[in-house]
C-alpha atoms as a PDB file:
ATOM      1  CA  MET A   1      -3.305 -17.214   7.041  1.00  0.00           C
ATOM      2  CA  LYS A   2      -6.457 -15.710   5.877  1.00  0.00           C
ATOM      3  CA  GLY A   3      -6.004 -12.223   4.605  1.00  0.00           C
ATOM      4  CA  ILE A   4      -7.030  -9.383   2.439  1.00  0.00           C
ATOM      5  CA  SER A   5      -6.974  -9.731  -1.361  1.00  0.00           C
ATOM      6  CA  LYS A   6      -6.841  -7.041  -4.126  1.00  0.00           C
ATOM      7  CA  ASN A   7      -6.919  -7.284  -7.958  1.00  0.00           C
ATOM      8  CA  PHE A   8      -4.386  -5.330  -9.972  1.00  0.00           C
ATOM      9  CA  LYS A   9      -5.108  -6.778 -13.380  1.00  0.00           C
ATOM     10  CA  HIS A  10      -6.582  -3.438 -14.774  1.00  0.00           C
ATOM     11  CA  LEU A  11      -2.883  -1.973 -14.541  1.00  0.00           C
ATOM     12  CA  ASN A  12      -0.472  -2.524 -17.277  1.00  0.00           C
ATOM     13  CA  LEU A  13       2.242  -3.534 -14.904  1.00  0.00           C
ATOM     14  CA  ASP A  14       4.382  -6.735 -14.397  1.00  0.00           C
ATOM     15  CA  PHE A  15       4.647  -8.127 -10.860  1.00  0.00           C
ATOM     16  CA  GLN A  16       7.416 -10.565  -9.779  1.00  0.00           C
ATOM     17  CA  LEU A  17       8.199 -12.074  -6.402  1.00  0.00           C
ATOM     18  CA  ILE A  18      11.975 -12.507  -6.100  1.00  0.00           C
ATOM     19  CA  THR A  19      14.135 -13.764  -3.414  1.00  0.00           C
ATOM     20  CA  ASP A  20      17.357 -11.837  -2.588  1.00  0.00           C
ATOM     21  CA  GLU A  21      20.416 -14.062  -2.575  1.00  0.00           C
ATOM     22  CA  GLU A  22      22.214 -12.195   0.287  1.00  0.00           C
ATOM     23  CA  THR A  23      19.485 -11.554   2.719  1.00  0.00           C
ATOM     24  CA  ARG A  24      17.169 -14.542   1.750  1.00  0.00           C
ATOM     25  CA  LYS A  25      14.276 -12.203   1.891  1.00  0.00           C
ATOM     26  CA  LYS A  26      11.324 -12.046  -0.656  1.00  0.00           C
ATOM     27  CA  LYS A  27      10.908  -8.805  -2.581  1.00  0.00           C
ATOM     28  CA  LEU A  28       8.060  -7.654  -4.872  1.00  0.00           C
ATOM     29  CA  LYS A  29       9.349  -6.265  -8.100  1.00  0.00           C
ATOM     30  CA  ILE A  30       7.047  -4.038 -10.172  1.00  0.00           C
ATOM     31  CA  ASP A  31       8.028  -3.249 -13.705  1.00  0.00           C
ATOM     32  CA  ALA A  32       6.323  -0.930 -16.356  1.00  0.00           C
ATOM     33  CA  TRP A  33       7.444  -1.441 -20.100  1.00  0.00           C
ATOM     34  CA  PHE A  34       7.498   1.880 -22.071  1.00  0.00           C
ATOM     35  CA  GLY A  35       5.098   3.378 -19.637  1.00  0.00           C
ATOM     36  CA  SER A  36       3.262   6.538 -20.184  1.00  0.00           C
ATOM     37  CA  ARG A  37       3.132   9.141 -17.405  1.00  0.00           C
ATOM     38  CA  LYS A  38      -0.049   7.685 -15.929  1.00  0.00           C
ATOM     39  CA  THR A  39       1.492   4.167 -15.912  1.00  0.00           C
ATOM     40  CA  THR A  40       4.653   5.086 -14.146  1.00  0.00           C
ATOM     41  CA  ALA A  41       2.612   6.925 -11.456  1.00  0.00           C
ATOM     42  CA  SER A  42       0.639   3.999 -11.021  1.00  0.00           C
ATOM     43  CA  ILE A  43       3.774   2.025  -9.795  1.00  0.00           C
ATOM     44  CA  ARG A  44       4.155   4.003  -6.573  1.00  0.00           C
ATOM     45  CA  THR A  45       0.233   3.799  -5.938  1.00  0.00           C
ATOM     46  CA  THR A  46       0.482  -0.044  -6.344  1.00  0.00           C
ATOM     47  CA  LEU A  47       3.402  -0.303  -3.996  1.00  0.00           C
ATOM     48  CA  SER A  48       1.425   1.727  -1.406  1.00  0.00           C
ATOM     49  CA  HIS A  49      -1.519  -0.502  -1.858  1.00  0.00           C
ATOM     50  CA  VAL A  50       0.526  -3.639  -1.253  1.00  0.00           C
ATOM     51  CA  ASN A  51       2.253  -2.077   1.828  1.00  0.00           C
ATOM     52  CA  ASN A  52      -1.090  -1.201   3.273  1.00  0.00           C
ATOM     53  CA  LEU A  53      -2.468  -4.690   2.653  1.00  0.00           C
ATOM     54  CA  ILE A  54       0.593  -6.250   4.403  1.00  0.00           C
ATOM     55  CA  ASN A  55       0.286  -3.801   7.318  1.00  0.00           C
ATOM     56  CA  SER A  56      -3.589  -4.262   7.713  1.00  0.00           C
ATOM     57  CA  VAL A  57      -2.976  -8.230   8.021  1.00  0.00           C
ATOM     58  CA  THR A  58       0.154  -8.132  10.329  1.00  0.00           C
ATOM     59  CA  LYS A  59      -0.440  -5.096  12.498  1.00  0.00           C
ATOM     60  CA  GLY A  60      -4.093  -3.940  11.967  1.00  0.00           C
ATOM     61  CA  TYR A  61      -5.435  -0.502  11.909  1.00  0.00           C
ATOM     62  CA  ARG A  62      -7.059   1.809  14.508  1.00  0.00           C
ATOM     63  CA  TYR A  63      -9.393   4.716  13.643  1.00  0.00           C
ATOM     64  CA  LYS A  64     -10.414   7.261  16.356  1.00  0.00           C
ATOM     65  CA  MET A  65     -13.692   9.106  15.537  1.00  0.00           C
ATOM     66  CA  ARG A  66     -15.064  12.166  17.288  1.00  0.00           C
ATOM     67  CA  PHE A  67     -18.596  13.369  17.454  1.00  0.00           C
ATOM     68  CA  VAL A  68     -18.879  17.066  16.540  1.00  0.00           C
ATOM     69  CA  TYR A  69     -22.003  19.009  17.002  1.00  0.00           C
ATOM     70  CA  ALA A  70     -23.055  22.669  17.350  1.00  0.00           C
ATOM     71  CA  HIS A  71     -26.778  22.426  17.990  1.00  0.00           C
ATOM     72  CA  PHE A  72     -28.222  18.940  18.361  1.00  0.00           C
ATOM     73  CA  PRO A  73     -26.188  16.763  20.759  1.00  0.00           C
ATOM     74  CA  ILE A  74     -25.457  13.397  19.213  1.00  0.00           C
ATOM     75  CA  ASN A  75     -25.961  10.486  21.383  1.00  0.00           C
ATOM     76  CA  ALA A  76     -24.268   7.080  20.866  1.00  0.00           C
ATOM     77  CA  SER A  77     -24.629   3.967  22.816  1.00  0.00           C
ATOM     78  CA  ILE A  78     -22.470   0.833  22.391  1.00  0.00           C
ATOM     79  CA  THR A  79     -24.507  -2.425  22.111  1.00  0.00           C
ATOM     80  CA  ASN A  80     -23.774  -6.148  21.515  1.00  0.00           C
ATOM     81  CA  ASN A  81     -20.532  -6.192  23.686  1.00  0.00           C
ATOM     82  CA  GLY A  82     -18.824  -3.605  21.548  1.00  0.00           C
ATOM     83  CA  THR A  83     -19.652  -4.971  18.075  1.00  0.00           C
ATOM     84  CA  ALA A  84     -22.332  -2.424  17.274  1.00  0.00           C
ATOM     85  CA  ILE A  85     -23.272   1.055  17.940  1.00  0.00           C
ATOM     86  CA  GLU A  86     -26.503   3.077  17.796  1.00  0.00           C
ATOM     87  CA  ILE A  87     -26.502   6.759  16.902  1.00  0.00           C
ATOM     88  CA  ARG A  88     -29.458   8.813  18.024  1.00  0.00           C
ATOM     89  CA  ASN A  89     -30.343  12.471  17.474  1.00  0.00           C
ATOM     90  CA  PHE A  90     -27.970  12.943  14.418  1.00  0.00           C
ATOM     91  CA  LEU A  91     -28.810  16.530  13.055  1.00  0.00           C
ATOM     92  CA  GLY A  92     -31.955  16.476  15.199  1.00  0.00           C
ATOM     93  CA  GLU A  93     -33.419  13.359  13.330  1.00  0.00           C
ATOM     94  CA  ASN A  94     -35.597  10.801  15.104  1.00  0.00           C
ATOM     95  CA  LYS A  95     -34.109   8.019  13.038  1.00  0.00           C
ATOM     96  CA  VAL A  96     -31.756   5.609  14.958  1.00  0.00           C
ATOM     97  CA  ARG A  97     -28.771   4.607  12.894  1.00  0.00           C
ATOM     98  CA  LYS A  98     -27.464   1.194  13.880  1.00  0.00           C
ATOM     99  CA  VAL A  99     -23.971   0.374  12.717  1.00  0.00           C
ATOM    100  CA  ASP A 100     -22.865  -3.405  12.961  1.00  0.00           C
ATOM    101  CA  MET A 101     -19.106  -3.781  12.862  1.00  0.00           C
ATOM    102  CA  LEU A 102     -17.310  -6.397  10.689  1.00  0.00           C
ATOM    103  CA  GLU A 103     -15.776  -9.405  12.442  1.00  0.00           C
ATOM    104  CA  GLY A 104     -12.660  -8.601  14.536  1.00  0.00           C
ATOM    105  CA  VAL A 105     -13.767  -4.877  14.857  1.00  0.00           C
ATOM    106  CA  SER A 106     -14.565  -3.600  18.339  1.00  0.00           C
ATOM    107  CA  ILE A 107     -15.949  -0.374  19.564  1.00  0.00           C
ATOM    108  CA  VAL A 108     -14.335   1.414  22.672  1.00  0.00           C
ATOM    109  CA  ARG A 109     -15.640   4.577  24.284  1.00  0.00           C
ATOM    110  CA  SER A 110     -12.795   6.686  25.526  1.00  0.00           C
ATOM    111  CA  GLU A 111     -13.249   8.131  29.124  1.00  0.00           C
ATOM    112  CA  LYS A 112     -10.902  10.955  28.795  1.00  0.00           C
ATOM    113  CA  THR A 113     -12.435  12.430  25.535  1.00  0.00           C
ATOM    114  CA  LYS A 114     -16.279  12.803  25.453  1.00  0.00           C
ATOM    115  CA  ASP A 115     -17.936  11.014  22.449  1.00  0.00           C
ATOM    116  CA  GLU A 116     -14.944   9.357  20.891  1.00  0.00           C
ATOM    117  CA  SER A 117     -15.256   6.035  19.368  1.00  0.00           C
ATOM    118  CA  CYS A 118     -13.190   3.391  17.251  1.00  0.00           C
ATOM    119  CA  ALA A 119     -15.244   2.384  14.194  1.00  0.00           C
ATOM    120  CA  LEU A 120     -16.050   3.070  10.687  1.00  0.00           C
ATOM    121  CA  ILE A 121     -19.268   5.082  10.773  1.00  0.00           C
ATOM    122  CA  ASN A 122     -18.871   7.879   8.067  1.00  0.00           C
ATOM    123  CA  GLN A 123     -21.002   6.029   5.569  1.00  0.00           C
ATOM    124  CA  LYS A 124     -24.113   5.945   7.953  1.00  0.00           C
ATOM    125  CA  CYS A 125     -23.664   9.581   9.002  1.00  0.00           C
ATOM    126  CA  HIS A 126     -22.715  11.418   5.959  1.00  0.00           C
ATOM    127  CA  VAL A 127     -24.432  14.741   5.456  1.00  0.00           C
ATOM    128  CA  LYS A 128     -25.791  14.977   1.996  1.00  0.00           C
ATOM    129  CA  ASN A 129     -26.910  17.973   0.026  1.00  0.00           C
ATOM    130  CA  LYS A 130     -25.647  20.596   2.534  1.00  0.00           C
ATOM    131  CA  ASP A 131     -22.749  22.943   2.546  1.00  0.00           C
ATOM    132  CA  ILE A 132     -20.289  21.228   4.881  1.00  0.00           C
ATOM    133  CA  ARG A 133     -18.721  24.532   5.736  1.00  0.00           C
ATOM    134  CA  LYS A 134     -22.066  25.558   7.315  1.00  0.00           C
ATOM    135  CA  PHE A 135     -23.235  22.418   8.785  1.00  0.00           C
ATOM    136  CA  LEU A 136     -20.326  21.048  10.780  1.00  0.00           C
ATOM    137  CA  ASP A 137     -22.177  18.596  12.583  1.00  0.00           C
ATOM    138  CA  GLY A 138     -21.192  14.990  12.029  1.00  0.00           C
ATOM    139  CA  ILE A 139     -18.678  12.189  12.897  1.00  0.00           C
ATOM    140  CA  TYR A 140     -15.118  12.705  11.779  1.00  0.00           C
ATOM    141  CA  VAL A 141     -12.018  10.649  11.932  1.00  0.00           C
ATOM    142  CA  SER A 142      -9.622  12.444  14.218  1.00  0.00           C
ATOM    143  CA  GLU A 143      -6.792   9.943  14.168  1.00  0.00           C
ATOM    144  CA  LYS A 144      -5.802   6.864  12.324  1.00  0.00           C
ATOM    145  CA  GLY A 145      -2.788   4.523  12.307  1.00  0.00           C
ATOM    146  CA  ALA A 146      -1.378   1.141  12.884  1.00  0.00           C
ATOM    147  CA  ILE A 147      -2.253  -0.597  16.094  1.00  0.00           C
ATOM    148  CA  ALA A 148       1.385  -1.741  16.831  1.00  0.00           C
ATOM    149  CA  SER A 149       2.743   1.632  16.712  1.00  0.00           C
ATOM    150  CA  GLU A 150       0.714   2.875  19.767  1.00  0.00           C
ATOM    151  CA  GLU A 151       1.691  -0.160  22.063  1.00  0.00           C
END
C-alpha cells in the first residue's frame, strides 16, 4: 500500500512498534526520557499526527469550502472532469486562477448550497495585505472531516 510519509527525526522521542500478546494488535509506543515541558508536549502532538496519517490513508478526508462575497460575485467553473477549477472575478480581479487538484482529489459542486466546492483552494485565493475583518470576500473551509463518517 502506498501512503503518506512523515519524518519525526527532529523530535527527541523513541518510537517502538509493539505487539500486544492478548489481542495480537500492533501498537505504537512513544517514549521521552527526562523530557522537558516542550518534549512532553510533543508526545501528544506526534500521536495526533500519526492518527491523522492513518486516517488519511484508510478513510480519506473531505473538505467543504464556501465562496463568500459582499461586493464582487465570485464565479467558479469546474473543468477537466472535476479535477480542476477556474476562479474568476475574485475581489474584482480580471486574473483567472486555475487550480489543478492532486491525484485522487475531485471537485463536486453542491446543488443545494450555492458556490460550495470540495477542494484545497485557500492558497490561490488568500487575501494578502488587507484587514480580513473588513475584506471578508474569499473562499473558506466550512466543514472538514473523514469521508467514511458521512457514509
